[in-house]
Amino acid sequence: ISLKSFNSDFNYFVDIKRCGPCVQFTPDLVLFYNKMNERKGKKDEFEIVWVSRCRDLDSYGQYFTHMNWLALPPQEAMGQRGQMLFEKYKIKGIPSLI
């Protein structure tokens, strides 16, 4: 993951627990997130907002325990707001980091 990819105050991370590539990518993103927020003079300036595409609250809750960033509430992420973000950012597949 390259810092050059990020130029906003926060980034959206869209994924789902039952997606193999998502499950493989998330630990790397956690390490990157931690590294970004441990930089001297830049502490806690990098933020991610998780937009879950999990289909139930149990999956959402279990998967979110592996992340240490913000998240849309599950009802919003799985509902109309999550769909609006998919359309706005033209997300074609997951995982996606915007």
Protein backbone atom coordinates (compact mmCIF):
# COMPACT_ATOMS: atom_id res chain seq x y z
CA ILE A 1 0.00 0.00 0.00
CA SER A 2 1.44 3.33 -0.98
CA LEU A 3 0.95 6.62 0.83
CA LYS A 4 0.67 8.36 -2.54
CA SER A 5 -2.74 6.71 -2.95
CA PHE A 6 -4.25 8.69 -0.09
CA ASN A 7 -5.03 12.37 -0.31
CA SER A 8 -8.16 12.89 1.76
CA ASP A 9 -8.86 13.23 5.46
CA PHE A 10 -10.29 9.74 5.44
CA ASN A 11 -10.56 6.76 3.13
CA TYR A 12 -13.40 4.30 2.64
CA PHE A 13 -12.65 0.60 2.92
CA VAL A 14 -15.37 -1.60 1.48
CA ASP A 15 -15.29 -5.33 2.06
CA ILE A 16 -17.11 -8.32 3.46
CA LYS A 17 -16.14 -11.10 5.87
CA ARG A 18 -16.86 -14.01 3.54
CA CYS A 19 -14.70 -12.64 0.70
CA GLY A 20 -11.33 -14.44 0.49
CA PRO A 21 -9.37 -11.49 -0.97
CA CYS A 22 -10.90 -9.19 1.68
CA VAL A 23 -9.87 -11.49 4.52
CA GLN A 24 -6.34 -11.65 3.08
CA PHE A 25 -6.08 -7.87 2.56
CA THR A 26 -7.45 -6.68 5.91
CA PRO A 27 -4.41 -7.67 8.08
CA ASP A 28 -2.09 -5.77 5.69
CA LEU A 29 -4.37 -2.75 5.86
CA VAL A 30 -4.38 -2.89 9.68
CA LEU A 31 -0.56 -2.83 9.68
CA PHE A 32 -0.52 0.07 7.21
CA TYR A 33 -3.13 1.99 9.21
CA ASN A 34 -1.13 1.56 12.41
CA LYS A 35 2.10 2.60 10.71
CA MET A 36 0.48 5.71 9.25
CA ASN A 37 -0.88 6.76 12.63
CA GLU A 38 2.39 6.19 14.46
CA ARG A 39 4.35 8.66 12.32
CA LYS A 40 6.01 11.42 14.29
CA GLY A 41 4.09 14.66 13.87
CA LYS A 42 1.28 12.84 12.03
CA LYS A 43 -0.18 10.81 14.89
CA ASP A 44 -3.80 9.87 14.32
CA GLU A 45 -4.15 11.95 11.13
CA PHE A 46 -4.93 9.01 8.84
CA GLU A 47 -8.43 7.60 9.02
CA ILE A 48 -10.40 4.81 7.40
CA VAL A 49 -14.15 4.35 7.47
CA TRP A 50 -15.22 0.74 6.97
CA VAL A 51 -18.28 0.22 4.81
CA SER A 52 -19.29 -3.36 5.46
CA ARG A 53 -21.12 -5.37 2.87
CA CYS A 54 -21.73 -8.14 5.42
CA ARG A 55 -25.27 -9.43 5.25
CA ASP A 56 -25.87 -9.91 8.96
CA LEU A 57 -24.92 -8.31 12.27
CA ASP A 58 -23.00 -11.34 13.55
CA SER A 59 -20.63 -11.31 10.57
CA TYR A 60 -20.23 -7.56 10.89
CA GLY A 61 -19.40 -7.77 14.59
CA GLN A 62 -16.98 -10.67 14.26
CA TYR A 63 -15.08 -9.12 11.35
CA PHE A 64 -14.94 -5.62 12.84
CA THR A 65 -13.00 -6.92 15.85
CA HIS A 66 -9.97 -7.20 13.51
CA MET A 67 -10.06 -3.49 12.63
CA ASN A 68 -9.13 -0.43 14.68
CA TRP A 69 -10.71 2.30 12.58
CA LEU A 70 -14.12 3.86 12.18
CA ALA A 71 -17.10 2.12 10.59
CA LEU A 72 -20.50 3.04 9.29
CA PRO A 73 -23.18 1.51 11.50
CA PRO A 74 -24.13 -1.87 10.03
CA GLN A 75 -27.67 -0.84 9.09
CA GLU A 76 -26.32 2.13 7.10
CA ALA A 77 -23.49 0.19 5.48
CA MET A 78 -25.78 -2.66 4.45
CA GLY A 79 -28.57 -0.32 3.42
CA GLN A 80 -29.20 2.67 1.22
CA ARG A 81 -26.17 4.69 2.39
CA GLY A 82 -23.78 1.84 1.58
CA GLN A 83 -25.37 1.45 -1.84
CA MET A 84 -25.07 5.20 -2.45
CA LEU A 85 -21.34 5.07 -1.67
CA PHE A 86 -20.93 2.12 -4.06
CA GLU A 87 -22.55 4.13 -6.82
CA LYS A 88 -20.82 7.43 -6.00
CA TYR A 89 -17.34 5.90 -6.09
CA LYS A 90 -18.15 3.45 -8.90
CA ILE A 91 -17.06 0.45 -6.85
CA LYS A 92 -16.91 -2.59 -9.09
CA GLY A 93 -15.57 -5.16 -6.65
CA ILE A 94 -14.32 -5.77 -3.16
CA PRO A 95 -12.12 -5.21 -1.33
CA SER A 96 -11.97 -1.56 -2.36
CA LEU A 97 -10.04 1.22 -0.71
CA ILE A 98 -11.02 4.68 -1.84
